[in-house]
Amino acid sequence: MNQTPRGNRLHIAIFGRRNVGKSSLINALTEQDIAVISDVAGTTTDPVYKSMEILPIGPVLLIDTPGIDDEGDIGRLRIERTKKVLEKTDVALIVTDRSTGIGAFEQDLIRMIREKELPVIIVYNKSDVDETLIINGIQELKESDLPIVTVSAKTNEGIALLKEALIKQAPKEDNVSLMGGLVNKGDLVILVTPIDSAAPKGRMILPQVQVIRDILDQDATMMVCKETELEEVLGRLKSPPNLVVTDSQAFAYVADVLPKDVLLTSFSILFARFKGDLPTLIEGAKAIQQLSPGDEVLIVEGCTHHRQEDDIGTVKIPRWLEKEAGDKLNFTWCSGTAFEEELEKYKLIVHCGSCMHNRREMMSRIRRAKYHNVPMVNYGVLIGHVSGILDRVIEPFPEINENN
């Protein structure tokens, strides 16, 4: 479970004022001393992410956040970073104790959590000091039916009950998987994985590894080859494969080699469906044809990596889009956990496959783009469009065909 990618883990974010015991609670939940503990207020200065297993929940990503009552100019910046954590949160824990209670800070946070329709648990900490749950503002929470768990992060009292509450509040699996509905037991899938200067030495990239695992989960089989070997591999088969999945950048070559009656898509498009909203990202491709010289375009990558000479995000995509627009465009790039605050000026957002994000965060970004009426497309969908084969590479997806 410790090898489970971050984007596939349950994201549990812990909020509260300074010195209510957020870091101590993480140590109690994980049964390890992984968070720094101090009596000095403000020990946690930035959100801290820790991939862990919490039995019996399974693989999770715990997010320890700075106090929501931090002070000064730097404190306000920390609070803003804390609030941004909500974009990727699956379950929120609000930690309090008798001395802090439920005041304006907590009420404001509860309001934001409810607006995002997130499950939340109120954790009343330090029961070893005061076992009575009589604190300011608690009666209103009881009447609102918000779950409240009393714990002591110091003695571990109530931690088992908190884990039970987490299991109950965690979003239920929606049975969305990378290959769900695309392949059946016994099917054969060919994965085309170019090995070029951008490929990590000695290993496969994360999307490829996850697709391989999901094919096995579907009781299907696979063959893996480079794009230059595809024609030879096809010639060895007695019957055609049920599906071919390729790196999007090899679309043109693979589509030319592959018989027209064999279904084709890409790793990036699989992730557009798995982590986001594929119909919306396909709709966003229409905006590519409407770009004009000088338009603003935002390109977003979920991971940071060494740029290659012909990098997909900073070289190839800008080149393709400027060809469509007929002249120069103005590009802005952001990577990692960053995402632009002001979206109104952009005519198009181009997002990576989002293998490093969880579905909650990707859907939040899509909703923000919709709110500002900015079309969004992902790498694979964009490449399918500029290659002239978008209709073909979305054909494998039953939900797209049903809508059409």
Protein backbone atom coordinates (compact mmCIF):
# COMPACT_ATOMS: atom_id res chain seq x y z
CA MET A 1 0.00 0.00 0.00
CA ASN A 2 2.92 2.37 0.58
CA GLN A 3 3.55 2.25 -3.19
CA THR A 4 0.03 3.52 -3.94
CA PRO A 5 0.34 6.81 -5.90
CA ARG A 6 -0.70 9.96 -4.05
CA GLY A 7 -3.45 10.68 -6.54
CA ASN A 8 -5.13 7.35 -5.71
CA ARG A 9 -5.09 7.82 -1.92
CA LEU A 10 -7.87 9.09 0.32
CA HIS A 11 -6.89 12.71 1.14
CA ILE A 12 -7.52 13.48 4.82
CA ALA A 13 -6.83 17.13 5.70
CA ILE A 14 -6.49 18.25 9.32
CA PHE A 15 -7.47 21.83 10.16
CA GLY A 16 -7.64 23.85 13.34
CA ARG A 17 -6.08 26.69 15.27
CA ARG A 18 -2.49 26.69 16.45
CA ASN A 19 -1.64 24.37 19.31
CA VAL A 20 -4.87 22.35 19.33
CA GLY A 21 -2.85 19.20 18.60
CA LYS A 22 -3.17 18.68 14.83
CA SER A 23 0.32 17.23 14.45
CA SER A 24 -0.12 15.10 17.57
CA LEU A 25 -3.33 13.73 16.06
CA ILE A 26 -1.46 12.67 12.90
CA ASN A 27 1.05 10.79 15.04
CA ALA A 28 -1.78 9.11 16.94
CA LEU A 29 -3.64 8.12 13.75
CA THR A 30 -0.55 6.64 12.11
CA GLU A 31 0.96 5.28 15.33
CA GLN A 32 4.25 6.87 14.29
CA ASP A 33 6.15 10.04 15.20
CA ILE A 34 6.00 11.55 11.72
CA ALA A 35 4.92 15.10 12.60
CA VAL A 36 6.96 17.58 14.63
CA ILE A 37 5.29 18.40 17.96
CA SER A 38 5.96 21.51 20.04
CA ASP A 39 4.24 23.62 22.66
CA VAL A 40 5.28 26.65 20.61
CA ALA A 41 2.32 27.88 18.54
CA GLY A 42 2.82 27.77 14.77
CA THR A 43 5.26 24.83 14.49
CA THR A 44 3.62 23.78 11.22
CA THR A 45 4.32 26.62 8.79
CA ASP A 46 3.16 25.07 5.50
CA PRO A 47 0.86 22.20 4.57
CA VAL A 48 2.73 18.93 5.11
CA TYR A 49 1.79 15.88 3.05
CA LYS A 50 2.46 12.36 4.30
CA SER A 51 1.53 9.17 2.48
CA MET A 52 0.61 6.56 5.04
CA GLU A 53 -1.51 3.52 5.76
CA ILE A 54 -4.15 3.81 8.44
CA LEU A 55 -5.61 0.46 9.24
CA PRO A 56 -8.30 -0.50 8.52
CA ILE A 57 -8.84 2.46 6.15
CA GLY A 58 -5.93 1.67 3.83
CA PRO A 59 -3.63 4.01 1.88
CA VAL A 60 -4.24 7.67 2.70
CA LEU A 61 -2.57 11.03 2.25
CA LEU A 62 -2.60 12.98 5.51
CA ILE A 63 -2.34 16.75 5.18
CA ASP A 64 -1.20 18.66 8.25
CA THR A 65 -2.03 22.37 7.85
CA PRO A 66 -0.86 25.56 9.59
CA GLY A 67 -3.16 27.09 12.20
CA ILE A 68 -6.17 28.89 10.78
CA ASP A 69 -5.54 31.64 13.36
CA ASP A 70 -1.98 32.41 12.22
CA GLU A 71 -0.99 36.06 12.50
CA GLY A 72 0.86 38.73 10.51
CA ASP A 73 1.42 39.03 6.76
CA ILE A 74 3.18 35.68 6.54
CA GLY A 75 0.46 34.14 8.70
CA ARG A 76 -2.21 35.30 6.29
CA LEU A 77 -0.33 33.71 3.41
CA ARG A 78 -0.17 30.46 5.37
CA ILE A 79 -3.91 30.61 5.98
CA GLU A 80 -4.52 31.05 2.25
CA ARG A 81 -2.40 27.97 1.55
CA THR A 82 -4.39 26.10 4.17
CA LYS A 83 -7.67 27.02 2.47
CA LYS A 84 -6.33 25.84 -0.90
CA VAL A 85 -5.88 22.39 0.61
CA LEU A 86 -9.70 22.10 0.53
CA GLU A 87 -9.50 21.78 -3.27
CA LYS A 88 -7.99 18.31 -2.91
CA THR A 89 -9.55 17.18 0.38
CA ASP A 90 -11.73 14.04 0.52
CA VAL A 91 -12.42 14.19 4.26
CA ALA A 92 -11.80 17.21 6.52
CA LEU A 93 -11.01 17.00 10.24
CA ILE A 94 -11.46 20.17 12.28
CA VAL A 95 -9.54 19.86 15.53
CA THR A 96 -10.43 21.91 18.60
CA ASP A 97 -10.19 21.75 22.39
CA ARG A 98 -11.83 23.36 25.42
CA SER A 99 -9.67 26.49 25.34
CA THR A 100 -10.33 27.27 21.66
CA GLY A 101 -13.89 25.99 21.22
CA ILE A 102 -15.87 26.59 18.04
CA GLY A 103 -15.40 30.24 17.19
CA ALA A 104 -15.26 32.43 14.12
CA PHE A 105 -12.24 30.61 12.65
CA GLU A 106 -13.91 27.21 12.88
CA GLN A 107 -17.30 28.48 11.68
CA ASP A 108 -15.70 30.09 8.62
CA LEU A 109 -13.91 26.86 7.81
CA ILE A 110 -17.09 24.80 8.28
CA ARG A 111 -18.90 27.16 5.90
CA MET A 112 -16.25 26.70 3.19
CA ILE A 113 -16.27 22.93 3.66
CA ARG A 114 -20.04 22.79 3.33
CA GLU A 115 -19.93 24.92 0.19
CA LYS A 116 -17.64 22.30 -1.33
CA GLU A 117 -19.92 19.52 -0.07
CA LEU A 118 -17.06 17.77 1.73
CA PRO A 119 -17.52 15.33 4.59
CA VAL A 120 -16.23 16.80 7.85
CA ILE A 121 -15.58 15.48 11.36
CA ILE A 122 -15.17 17.72 14.43
CA VAL A 123 -12.37 16.32 16.62
CA TYR A 124 -12.43 17.46 20.26
CA ASN A 125 -8.83 16.85 21.36
CA LYS A 126 -7.08 16.71 24.76
CA SER A 127 -9.73 14.66 26.53
CA ASP A 128 -6.96 13.56 28.91
CA VAL A 129 -7.01 17.14 30.23
CA ASP A 130 -10.77 17.71 30.11
CA GLU A 131 -13.20 14.90 29.39
CA THR A 132 -16.30 17.11 29.35
CA LEU A 133 -17.53 18.11 25.92
CA ILE A 134 -18.81 21.50 27.01
CA ILE A 135 -17.13 24.11 24.83
CA ASN A 136 -18.17 27.28 23.13
CA GLY A 137 -20.25 26.69 20.01
CA ILE A 138 -20.50 22.91 20.37
CA GLN A 139 -24.29 22.83 20.89
CA GLU A 140 -24.89 24.39 17.48
CA LEU A 141 -22.73 21.70 15.89
CA LYS A 142 -24.62 18.94 17.67
CA GLU A 143 -27.88 20.34 16.33
CA SER A 144 -26.45 20.45 12.81
CA ASP A 145 -25.71 16.71 12.94
CA LEU A 146 -21.99 17.18 12.28
CA PRO A 147 -20.13 14.16 13.66
CA ILE A 148 -18.10 14.96 16.79
CA VAL A 149 -15.43 12.62 18.16
CA THR A 150 -13.67 13.13 21.49
CA VAL A 151 -10.02 12.00 21.53
CA SER A 152 -6.73 12.36 23.29
CA ALA A 153 -3.85 12.39 20.83
CA LYS A 154 -1.57 11.99 23.86
CA THR A 155 -3.12 8.82 25.31
CA ASN A 156 -4.79 7.51 22.10
CA GLU A 157 -8.19 7.55 23.80
CA GLY A 158 -10.91 7.77 21.14
CA ILE A 159 -8.54 7.26 18.19
CA ALA A 160 -10.25 3.98 17.26
CA LEU A 161 -13.60 5.80 17.26
CA LEU A 162 -12.12 8.50 15.01
CA LYS A 163 -10.97 5.86 12.54
CA GLU A 164 -14.48 4.42 12.52
CA ALA A 165 -15.88 7.89 11.82
CA LEU A 166 -13.38 8.34 8.97
CA ILE A 167 -14.48 5.09 7.40
CA LYS A 168 -18.13 6.14 7.68
CA GLN A 169 -17.52 9.65 6.27
CA ALA A 170 -15.10 8.71 3.48
CA PRO A 171 -16.58 9.04 -0.02
CA LYS A 172 -17.83 5.72 -1.25
CA GLU A 173 -16.08 4.13 -4.20
CA ASP A 174 -17.85 5.08 -7.41
CA ASN A 175 -16.39 2.08 -9.27
CA VAL A 176 -14.59 4.39 -11.68
CA SER A 177 -11.39 2.75 -12.85
CA LEU A 178 -8.97 3.39 -15.67
CA MET A 179 -10.12 0.47 -17.82
CA GLY A 180 -13.59 -0.10 -16.38
CA GLY A 181 -16.14 -0.58 -19.17
CA LEU A 182 -13.41 -0.61 -21.82
CA VAL A 183 -12.13 -4.16 -21.57
CA ASN A 184 -13.59 -7.48 -20.48
CA LYS A 185 -12.17 -10.66 -19.06
CA GLY A 186 -9.91 -12.34 -21.61
CA ASP A 187 -9.51 -9.25 -23.82
CA LEU A 188 -6.11 -8.37 -25.25
CA VAL A 189 -4.81 -4.80 -24.96
CA ILE A 190 -1.66 -3.54 -26.67
CA LEU A 191 0.17 -0.72 -24.89
CA VAL A 192 2.40 1.41 -27.08
CA THR A 193 5.08 3.08 -24.95
CA PRO A 194 7.71 5.10 -26.81
CA ILE A 195 11.16 5.04 -25.22
CA ASP A 196 12.68 8.44 -25.96
CA SER A 197 14.68 11.12 -24.15
CA ALA A 198 11.67 11.95 -21.95
CA ALA A 199 11.22 8.35 -20.72
CA PRO A 200 12.65 7.78 -17.22
CA LYS A 201 15.72 5.57 -17.26
CA GLY A 202 15.09 2.02 -16.10
CA ARG A 203 11.36 2.28 -15.44
CA MET A 204 7.91 3.01 -16.86
CA ILE A 205 6.09 6.27 -16.23
CA LEU A 206 3.29 6.30 -13.64
CA PRO A 207 0.29 6.36 -16.06
CA GLN A 208 1.64 3.31 -17.90
CA VAL A 209 2.18 1.38 -14.66
CA GLN A 210 -1.32 2.19 -13.42
CA VAL A 211 -2.93 1.13 -16.71
CA ILE A 212 -1.03 -2.18 -16.61
CA ARG A 213 -2.29 -2.85 -13.09
CA ASP A 214 -5.88 -1.97 -14.01
CA ILE A 215 -5.84 -4.26 -17.04
CA LEU A 216 -4.82 -7.09 -14.72
CA ASP A 217 -7.63 -6.11 -12.32
CA GLN A 218 -10.07 -6.50 -15.23
CA ASP A 219 -8.76 -10.07 -15.83
CA ALA A 220 -7.57 -9.02 -19.26
CA THR A 221 -4.11 -9.47 -20.79
CA MET A 222 -1.70 -7.10 -22.48
CA MET A 223 1.30 -6.77 -24.72
CA VAL A 224 3.70 -3.83 -24.42
CA CYS A 225 5.81 -2.53 -27.28
CA LYS A 226 7.43 0.59 -28.69
CA GLU A 227 5.65 2.38 -31.51
CA THR A 228 8.32 1.22 -33.99
CA GLU A 229 7.54 -2.43 -33.14
CA LEU A 230 3.74 -2.16 -33.36
CA GLU A 231 3.39 -3.31 -36.95
CA GLU A 232 5.50 -6.42 -36.28
CA VAL A 233 3.52 -7.22 -33.11
CA LEU A 234 0.21 -6.93 -34.97
CA GLY A 235 1.52 -9.28 -37.66
CA ARG A 236 2.20 -11.97 -35.07
CA LEU A 237 -1.35 -12.00 -33.74
CA LYS A 238 -3.94 -14.49 -34.99
CA SER A 239 -6.70 -11.98 -34.23
CA PRO A 240 -6.60 -8.20 -33.67
CA PRO A 241 -6.40 -6.73 -30.17
CA ASN A 242 -9.54 -5.45 -28.47
CA LEU A 243 -7.91 -2.11 -27.71
CA VAL A 244 -4.67 -0.25 -28.30
CA VAL A 245 -3.50 2.41 -25.81
CA THR A 246 -0.62 4.63 -26.87
CA ASP A 247 1.29 7.65 -25.70
CA SER A 248 -0.63 10.58 -27.19
CA GLN A 249 2.48 11.92 -28.90
CA ALA A 250 2.60 8.75 -31.03
CA PHE A 251 -1.03 9.12 -32.17
CA ALA A 252 -0.23 9.93 -35.80
CA TYR A 253 2.18 7.02 -36.25
CA VAL A 254 0.04 4.46 -34.41
CA ALA A 255 -3.20 5.50 -36.14
CA ASP A 256 -1.49 5.04 -39.51
CA VAL A 257 -0.25 1.55 -38.66
CA LEU A 258 -3.36 0.31 -36.84
CA PRO A 259 -6.31 -1.11 -38.82
CA LYS A 260 -9.26 1.28 -38.77
CA ASP A 261 -11.55 -1.25 -37.07
CA VAL A 262 -9.28 -1.58 -33.99
CA LEU A 263 -10.16 0.71 -31.09
CA LEU A 264 -7.48 3.25 -30.19
CA THR A 265 -6.98 5.73 -27.35
CA SER A 266 -4.17 7.12 -25.18
CA PHE A 267 -2.95 7.02 -21.59
CA SER A 268 -3.71 10.72 -21.22
CA ILE A 269 -7.31 10.32 -22.37
CA LEU A 270 -7.79 7.38 -20.00
CA PHE A 271 -6.72 9.66 -17.16
CA ALA A 272 -8.97 12.46 -18.40
CA ARG A 273 -11.85 10.06 -17.82
CA PHE A 274 -10.50 8.55 -14.58
CA LYS A 275 -9.55 11.78 -12.79
CA GLY A 276 -11.80 14.35 -14.43
CA ASP A 277 -14.74 14.91 -16.75
CA LEU A 278 -13.95 13.55 -20.20
CA PRO A 279 -17.02 15.00 -22.01
CA THR A 280 -16.14 18.51 -20.73
CA LEU A 281 -12.50 18.15 -21.81
CA ILE A 282 -13.60 16.94 -25.25
CA GLU A 283 -15.96 19.92 -25.53
CA GLY A 284 -13.00 22.15 -24.66
CA ALA A 285 -11.21 20.99 -27.81
CA LYS A 286 -13.63 23.11 -29.87
CA ALA A 287 -11.99 26.23 -28.44
CA ILE A 288 -8.72 25.35 -30.17
CA GLN A 289 -10.22 26.29 -33.53
CA GLN A 290 -11.39 29.63 -32.10
CA LEU A 291 -7.98 30.82 -30.90
CA SER A 292 -6.73 34.10 -32.36
CA PRO A 293 -3.23 35.59 -32.36
CA GLY A 294 -2.42 37.19 -29.01
CA ASP A 295 -4.91 35.10 -27.00
CA GLU A 296 -3.91 33.98 -23.49
CA VAL A 297 -3.47 30.23 -22.92
CA LEU A 298 -2.74 28.51 -19.58
CA ILE A 299 -0.79 25.22 -19.66
CA VAL A 300 -0.90 23.17 -16.44
CA GLU A 301 1.27 20.18 -15.50
CA GLY A 302 0.72 18.24 -12.30
CA CYS A 303 4.34 17.19 -11.90
CA THR A 304 7.66 19.00 -12.12
CA HIS A 305 10.32 17.38 -14.28
CA HIS A 306 13.46 18.18 -16.21
CA ARG A 307 12.50 19.87 -19.48
CA GLN A 308 13.59 18.14 -22.67
CA GLU A 309 14.62 19.92 -25.84
CA ASP A 310 11.26 19.16 -27.46
CA ASP A 311 9.18 19.22 -24.25
CA ILE A 312 5.49 18.49 -24.66
CA GLY A 313 4.18 21.26 -22.40
CA THR A 314 6.54 24.10 -23.23
CA VAL A 315 7.43 23.38 -26.86
CA LYS A 316 5.15 21.00 -28.73
CA ILE A 317 1.74 22.11 -27.47
CA PRO A 318 2.51 25.83 -27.93
CA ARG A 319 3.73 25.06 -31.45
CA TRP A 320 0.56 23.15 -32.34
CA LEU A 321 -1.73 25.81 -30.87
CA GLU A 322 0.05 28.67 -32.62
CA LYS A 323 -0.28 26.79 -35.90
CA GLU A 324 -4.04 26.54 -35.27
CA ALA A 325 -4.25 30.23 -34.30
CA GLY A 326 -2.16 31.40 -37.25
CA ASP A 327 0.36 33.38 -35.17
CA LYS A 328 1.86 33.87 -31.72
CA LEU A 329 -0.15 33.24 -28.54
CA ASN A 330 0.61 34.34 -24.98
CA PHE A 331 1.34 31.32 -22.78
CA THR A 332 1.40 30.97 -18.99
CA TRP A 333 2.68 27.78 -17.37
CA CYS A 334 2.14 26.40 -13.88
CA SER A 335 3.15 23.04 -12.45
CA GLY A 336 2.99 20.93 -9.32
CA THR A 337 0.23 21.96 -6.95
CA ALA A 338 -0.03 25.45 -8.43
CA PHE A 339 -3.10 26.63 -10.33
CA GLU A 340 -3.84 30.16 -11.46
CA GLU A 341 -6.18 32.20 -9.27
CA GLU A 342 -7.42 34.58 -11.98
CA LEU A 343 -8.75 32.56 -14.92
CA GLU A 344 -10.91 35.15 -16.67
CA LYS A 345 -8.21 36.33 -19.10
CA TYR A 346 -7.59 32.89 -20.61
CA LYS A 347 -9.18 31.67 -23.82
CA LEU A 348 -8.11 28.08 -23.15
CA ILE A 349 -6.68 25.93 -20.35
CA VAL A 350 -4.60 22.92 -21.37
CA HIS A 351 -4.16 20.41 -18.53
CA CYS A 352 -1.95 17.34 -18.29
CA GLY A 353 -3.39 13.87 -17.70
CA SER A 354 -3.41 14.60 -13.94
CA CYS A 355 -1.95 11.29 -12.77
CA MET A 356 -0.44 13.13 -9.77
CA HIS A 357 -3.74 14.70 -8.65
CA ASN A 358 -6.68 13.06 -6.99
CA ARG A 359 -10.07 13.22 -8.67
CA ARG A 360 -11.35 15.79 -6.15
CA GLU A 361 -8.65 18.31 -7.11
CA MET A 362 -9.02 17.79 -10.86
CA MET A 363 -12.80 18.16 -10.70
CA SER A 364 -12.36 21.32 -8.62
CA ARG A 365 -10.18 22.80 -11.36
CA ILE A 366 -12.70 21.86 -14.04
CA ARG A 367 -15.52 23.47 -12.02
CA ARG A 368 -13.47 26.66 -11.58
CA ALA A 369 -12.82 26.82 -15.32
CA LYS A 370 -16.54 26.37 -16.02
CA TYR A 371 -17.43 29.08 -13.51
CA HIS A 372 -15.21 31.54 -15.40
CA ASN A 373 -16.43 30.25 -18.79
CA VAL A 374 -12.94 29.16 -19.80
CA PRO A 375 -12.80 25.96 -21.90
CA MET A 376 -10.38 23.28 -20.68
CA VAL A 377 -8.81 20.46 -22.65
CA ASN A 378 -6.23 17.87 -21.65
CA TYR A 379 -3.04 16.88 -23.42
CA GLY A 380 -4.36 13.70 -25.00
CA VAL A 381 -7.60 15.24 -26.22
CA LEU A 382 -5.68 18.20 -27.66
CA ILE A 383 -3.22 15.97 -29.51
CA GLY A 384 -6.09 13.86 -30.85
CA HIS A 385 -7.69 17.06 -32.16
CA VAL A 386 -4.59 18.52 -33.83
CA SER A 387 -3.82 15.07 -35.30
CA GLY A 388 -7.28 14.98 -36.87
CA ILE A 389 -8.28 11.73 -35.15
CA LEU A 390 -10.16 12.91 -32.05
CA ASP A 391 -13.36 11.12 -33.04
CA ARG A 392 -11.45 7.87 -33.40
CA VAL A 393 -9.55 8.03 -30.09
CA ILE A 394 -12.70 8.74 -28.03
CA GLU A 395 -14.67 5.96 -29.74
CA PRO A 396 -13.76 3.32 -27.09
CA PHE A 397 -15.64 5.20 -24.35
CA PRO A 398 -19.27 4.04 -24.06
CA GLU A 399 -20.41 7.14 -22.14
CA ILE A 400 -19.25 9.40 -24.99
CA ASN A 401 -20.99 7.31 -27.63
CA GLU A 402 -24.22 7.28 -25.58
CA ASN A 403 -24.21 11.09 -25.35
CA ASN A 404 -23.68 11.41 -29.07
